[in-house]
Amino acid sequence: MAEVSHRTAVVTGASGGIGAATARRLAAEGFTVVAAARRRDRLSELAASVRGIRPVVLDVTSQESVDALAASLADVDVLVNNAGGALGVEPVERADPADWQAMFETNVLGVLRVTKALLPALERGSGGHIVVTGSIAGHLVYEGGAGYTAAKHAATAVVETLRLELNGRPIRVTEVAPGMVRTEEFSLVRYRGDAEAAERVYAGVDQPLTAEDVADCIAFAVTRPAHVNIDLLVVKPLAQAAPHKVARRGS
């Protein structure tokens, strides 16, 4: 296991779901965690419940907000680009370009802004690590998911290109790509607050992944010895073979 005491990890999208779980897990691993997201109240609750977490309000779609985060940090050992999400399930012929733009702003340009701003801090120490929470949607496609899969494919391209460009420098680059993860907000946001539609996503599925399952994978990747780079870690529940192939009870 890599030495993690007195090391700093930045986690974006940390106010809930995978981001909050990752912040908790990395704090348990001994990191000082900068938990960054837009919702100050949720961040304050997280920081109050877990020792070693510093809450910072951050909007990854705002360069000013990202610059303020970078200015507040010295060395950074781990950056987890987790902010993102999906909007809508309409087919391409009925897609709203505004939804696509919002998904690219968070899932792709947010990764660009935060990574670019924190690269100097990541390189100042003994070795940094950039993690992007991707998705199997960044490697496969499915009907009704073109906007999200396009954004996640783009995020994957950023990760793979960044790894080439940083080769020879002491910075590791990892994508953790989950399949079906049941969190309280992801599907609810995607279905624009329709709780029944969001619940149907998981209907009959035996044990979808939890946010803590994904956080465990992220923690594994960042605690490997410094010479070990996990390029891509794909994790799905046993019930899921592909985005469009999920075993459901009673079906």
Protein backbone atom coordinates (compact mmCIF):
# COMPACT_ATOMS: atom_id res chain seq x y z
CA MET A 1 0.00 0.00 0.00
CA ALA A 2 1.20 3.51 -0.77
CA GLU A 3 1.95 5.85 2.11
CA VAL A 4 -1.03 8.20 2.49
CA SER A 5 -0.52 10.09 5.75
CA HIS A 6 -0.42 13.89 5.41
CA ARG A 7 -1.51 13.67 1.78
CA THR A 8 -4.22 15.80 0.22
CA ALA A 9 -7.03 14.58 -2.03
CA VAL A 10 -9.47 16.82 -3.87
CA VAL A 11 -12.86 15.28 -4.71
CA THR A 12 -15.30 17.18 -6.92
CA GLY A 13 -19.02 16.52 -6.87
CA ALA A 14 -18.56 15.58 -3.22
CA SER A 15 -21.92 16.67 -1.83
CA GLY A 16 -23.60 13.32 -2.44
CA GLY A 17 -23.46 9.89 -4.04
CA ILE A 18 -20.11 8.60 -5.25
CA GLY A 19 -18.34 11.87 -4.45
CA ALA A 20 -19.39 11.91 -0.80
CA ALA A 21 -18.62 8.21 -0.43
CA THR A 22 -15.17 8.76 -1.96
CA ALA A 23 -14.47 11.67 0.36
CA ARG A 24 -15.37 9.54 3.37
CA ARG A 25 -13.32 6.59 2.15
CA LEU A 26 -10.19 8.62 1.37
CA ALA A 27 -10.43 10.33 4.75
CA ALA A 28 -10.54 6.87 6.33
CA GLU A 29 -7.40 6.00 4.33
CA GLY A 30 -5.59 8.91 5.97
CA PHE A 31 -5.93 11.63 3.35
CA THR A 32 -6.87 15.19 4.13
CA VAL A 33 -9.82 15.54 1.77
CA VAL A 34 -10.94 18.75 0.10
CA ALA A 35 -14.59 17.96 -0.60
CA ALA A 36 -15.72 20.30 -3.35
CA ALA A 37 -19.22 20.81 -4.74
CA ARG A 38 -21.93 23.42 -5.20
CA ARG A 39 -24.14 22.62 -2.19
CA ARG A 40 -22.60 24.22 0.87
CA ASP A 41 -25.11 22.69 3.30
CA ARG A 42 -24.46 19.13 2.17
CA LEU A 43 -20.70 19.68 2.31
CA SER A 44 -20.93 21.10 5.82
CA GLU A 45 -22.88 18.03 6.96
CA LEU A 46 -20.27 15.76 5.41
CA ALA A 47 -17.37 17.60 7.04
CA ALA A 48 -19.12 17.58 10.41
CA SER A 49 -19.58 13.82 10.27
CA VAL A 50 -16.11 12.81 9.09
CA ARG A 51 -12.77 13.90 10.49
CA GLY A 52 -10.25 15.11 7.91
CA ILE A 53 -12.67 16.62 5.39
CA ARG A 54 -12.47 20.27 4.40
CA PRO A 55 -15.57 21.56 2.58
CA VAL A 56 -15.09 23.94 -0.37
CA VAL A 57 -17.87 25.33 -2.55
CA LEU A 58 -17.02 24.68 -6.20
CA ASP A 59 -18.85 24.94 -9.51
CA VAL A 60 -16.83 23.06 -12.15
CA THR A 61 -18.66 24.96 -14.91
CA SER A 62 -17.21 28.27 -13.63
CA GLN A 63 -13.59 29.09 -14.37
CA GLU A 64 -13.62 31.69 -11.61
CA SER A 65 -14.76 29.09 -9.08
CA VAL A 66 -12.14 26.60 -10.24
CA ASP A 67 -9.39 29.23 -10.10
CA ALA A 68 -10.38 30.09 -6.53
CA LEU A 69 -10.07 26.44 -5.55
CA ALA A 70 -6.63 26.17 -7.14
CA ALA A 71 -5.45 29.33 -5.40
CA SER A 72 -6.44 27.88 -2.01
CA LEU A 73 -4.29 24.77 -2.38
CA ALA A 74 -0.57 24.09 -2.15
CA ASP A 75 0.38 20.53 -3.00
CA VAL A 76 -2.29 18.10 -4.17
CA ASP A 77 -1.62 14.37 -4.21
CA VAL A 78 -4.89 13.06 -5.62
CA LEU A 79 -7.57 14.71 -7.75
CA VAL A 80 -10.83 12.81 -8.18
CA ASN A 81 -12.82 14.41 -10.98
CA ASN A 82 -16.23 13.11 -9.98
CA ALA A 83 -18.62 15.97 -10.78
CA GLY A 84 -20.95 15.01 -13.62
CA GLY A 85 -24.31 13.43 -14.29
CA ALA A 86 -26.94 12.65 -16.88
CA LEU A 87 -29.96 14.58 -18.14
CA GLY A 88 -32.78 12.98 -20.09
CA VAL A 89 -33.37 9.75 -21.96
CA GLU A 90 -34.75 11.14 -25.20
CA PRO A 91 -33.61 9.66 -28.53
CA VAL A 92 -31.38 11.79 -30.73
CA GLU A 93 -34.29 12.98 -32.88
CA ARG A 94 -35.96 14.55 -29.82
CA ALA A 95 -32.88 15.55 -27.83
CA ASP A 96 -32.59 19.00 -26.29
CA PRO A 97 -29.19 20.54 -27.13
CA ALA A 98 -29.30 22.39 -23.80
CA ASP A 99 -29.23 19.04 -21.97
CA TRP A 100 -26.26 17.90 -24.02
CA GLN A 101 -24.45 21.18 -23.37
CA ALA A 102 -25.03 20.85 -19.62
CA MET A 103 -23.69 17.29 -19.63
CA PHE A 104 -20.58 18.30 -21.58
CA GLU A 105 -20.01 21.26 -19.24
CA THR A 106 -19.82 19.02 -16.18
CA ASN A 107 -18.59 15.66 -17.47
CA VAL A 108 -16.01 16.95 -19.94
CA LEU A 109 -15.19 20.64 -19.59
CA GLY A 110 -15.37 20.36 -15.81
CA VAL A 111 -12.66 17.71 -15.96
CA LEU A 112 -10.61 19.98 -18.21
CA ARG A 113 -10.96 23.06 -16.00
CA VAL A 114 -10.15 21.37 -12.70
CA THR A 115 -7.36 19.18 -14.04
CA LYS A 116 -5.66 22.07 -15.82
CA ALA A 117 -5.92 24.31 -12.75
CA LEU A 118 -4.55 21.70 -10.33
CA LEU A 119 -1.82 20.18 -12.49
CA PRO A 120 0.92 22.43 -11.04
CA ALA A 121 -0.07 21.41 -7.49
CA LEU A 122 -0.23 17.74 -8.50
CA GLU A 123 3.27 17.91 -9.93
CA ARG A 124 4.87 19.84 -7.07
CA GLY A 125 4.95 16.91 -4.65
CA SER A 126 6.46 13.47 -4.88
CA GLY A 127 3.84 12.34 -7.38
CA GLY A 128 0.22 13.12 -8.16
CA HIS A 129 -2.72 11.04 -9.28
CA ILE A 130 -5.67 12.13 -11.43
CA VAL A 131 -8.80 9.98 -11.27
CA VAL A 132 -11.86 10.51 -13.43
CA THR A 133 -15.14 8.90 -12.46
CA GLY A 134 -16.23 7.77 -15.89
CA SER A 135 -18.86 5.20 -16.77
CA ILE A 136 -19.41 2.13 -18.88
CA ALA A 137 -21.35 4.69 -20.94
CA GLY A 138 -17.93 5.99 -21.95
CA HIS A 139 -17.13 2.68 -23.63
CA LEU A 140 -20.51 1.44 -24.88
CA VAL A 141 -23.74 3.00 -26.17
CA TYR A 142 -27.44 2.38 -25.65
CA GLU A 143 -30.71 3.76 -26.97
CA GLY A 144 -31.89 6.91 -25.25
CA GLY A 145 -28.44 7.63 -23.90
CA ALA A 146 -26.69 9.44 -26.75
CA GLY A 147 -26.07 12.69 -24.89
CA TYR A 148 -24.67 11.00 -21.80
CA THR A 149 -22.68 8.37 -23.68
CA ALA A 150 -21.23 11.08 -25.95
CA ALA A 151 -20.13 13.08 -22.90
CA LYS A 152 -18.64 10.05 -21.15
CA HIS A 153 -16.90 8.89 -24.34
CA ALA A 154 -15.37 12.38 -24.51
CA ALA A 155 -14.27 12.15 -20.88
CA THR A 156 -12.62 8.80 -21.62
CA ALA A 157 -10.79 10.38 -24.57
CA VAL A 158 -9.55 13.15 -22.26
CA VAL A 159 -8.24 10.58 -19.76
CA GLU A 160 -6.44 8.52 -22.39
CA THR A 161 -4.93 11.58 -24.07
CA LEU A 162 -3.84 13.05 -20.75
CA ARG A 163 -2.03 9.85 -19.88
CA LEU A 164 -0.04 10.09 -23.12
CA GLU A 165 0.74 13.76 -22.62
CA LEU A 166 1.89 13.30 -19.01
CA ASN A 167 4.03 10.26 -19.74
CA GLY A 168 7.44 10.72 -18.15
CA ARG A 169 6.09 13.04 -15.46
CA PRO A 170 5.23 11.80 -11.93
CA ILE A 171 1.45 11.88 -12.37
CA ARG A 172 -0.73 8.80 -12.64
CA VAL A 173 -4.01 8.89 -14.58
CA THR A 174 -6.91 6.52 -13.92
CA GLU A 175 -10.48 6.13 -15.09
CA VAL A 176 -12.91 4.27 -12.84
CA ALA A 177 -15.91 3.32 -14.98
CA PRO A 178 -18.95 2.06 -13.05
CA GLY A 179 -22.02 0.41 -14.45
CA MET A 180 -25.35 0.54 -12.62
CA VAL A 181 -24.92 2.37 -9.32
CA ARG A 182 -27.92 3.08 -7.13
CA THR A 183 -27.62 6.48 -5.48
CA GLU A 184 -30.34 8.77 -4.22
CA GLU A 185 -29.99 11.35 -6.97
CA PHE A 186 -28.45 10.14 -10.24
CA SER A 187 -31.55 8.65 -11.87
CA LEU A 188 -33.87 11.14 -10.19
CA VAL A 189 -31.98 14.00 -11.84
CA ARG A 190 -31.83 12.17 -15.14
CA TYR A 191 -35.60 11.69 -15.12
CA ARG A 192 -36.16 15.33 -14.08
CA GLY A 193 -37.57 14.53 -10.66
CA ASP A 194 -39.88 11.69 -11.75
CA ALA A 195 -39.40 9.35 -8.79
CA GLU A 196 -41.38 6.48 -10.31
CA ALA A 197 -39.36 6.52 -13.53
CA ALA A 198 -36.12 6.72 -11.55
CA GLU A 199 -37.14 3.75 -9.42
CA ARG A 200 -37.93 1.63 -12.49
CA VAL A 201 -34.25 1.77 -13.47
CA TYR A 202 -33.43 -0.52 -10.56
CA ALA A 203 -36.64 -2.59 -10.49
CA GLY A 204 -35.94 -6.30 -10.00
CA VAL A 205 -32.16 -5.84 -10.05
CA ASP A 206 -30.40 -7.86 -7.38
CA GLN A 207 -27.94 -5.55 -5.63
CA PRO A 208 -26.96 -2.69 -7.92
CA LEU A 209 -23.62 -1.16 -7.02
CA THR A 210 -23.55 1.34 -4.17
CA ALA A 211 -21.60 4.59 -4.02
CA GLU A 212 -19.35 2.90 -1.47
CA ASP A 213 -18.50 0.14 -3.97
CA VAL A 214 -17.18 2.72 -6.41
CA ALA A 215 -15.37 4.62 -3.68
CA ASP A 216 -13.65 1.35 -2.76
CA CYS A 217 -12.37 1.04 -6.34
CA ILE A 218 -11.10 4.62 -6.33
CA ALA A 219 -9.35 4.07 -3.01
CA PHE A 220 -7.73 0.90 -4.35
CA ALA A 221 -6.37 2.73 -7.40
CA VAL A 222 -4.88 5.66 -5.50
CA THR A 223 -3.27 3.54 -2.78
CA ARG A 224 -1.18 1.40 -5.13
CA PRO A 225 2.60 1.96 -5.03
CA ALA A 226 3.68 5.04 -6.96
CA HIS A 227 5.06 3.03 -9.88
CA VAL A 228 1.72 1.21 -10.41
CA ASN A 229 -0.89 2.89 -12.60
CA ILE A 230 -4.40 1.49 -12.92
CA ASP A 231 -5.35 2.77 -16.37
CA LEU A 232 -8.99 1.69 -16.36
CA LEU A 233 -11.10 -0.06 -13.74
CA VAL A 234 -14.53 -1.16 -14.97
CA VAL A 235 -16.94 -2.25 -12.24
CA LYS A 236 -20.51 -3.50 -12.66
CA PRO A 237 -22.98 -5.34 -10.46
CA LEU A 238 -23.14 -9.07 -11.10
CA ALA A 239 -26.66 -8.61 -12.50
CA GLN A 240 -25.41 -6.32 -15.28
CA ALA A 241 -23.61 -7.60 -18.36
CA ALA A 242 -23.95 -4.37 -20.39
CA PRO A 243 -25.95 -1.11 -20.25
CA HIS A 244 -28.77 -2.82 -22.15
CA LYS A 245 -28.39 -6.31 -20.59
CA VAL A 246 -29.49 -6.48 -16.95
CA ALA A 247 -30.94 -9.50 -15.16
CA ARG A 248 -34.15 -8.63 -13.35
CA ARG A 249 -36.21 -10.80 -11.03
CA GLY A 250 -39.46 -11.87 -12.59
CA SER A 251 -38.38 -11.13 -16.17
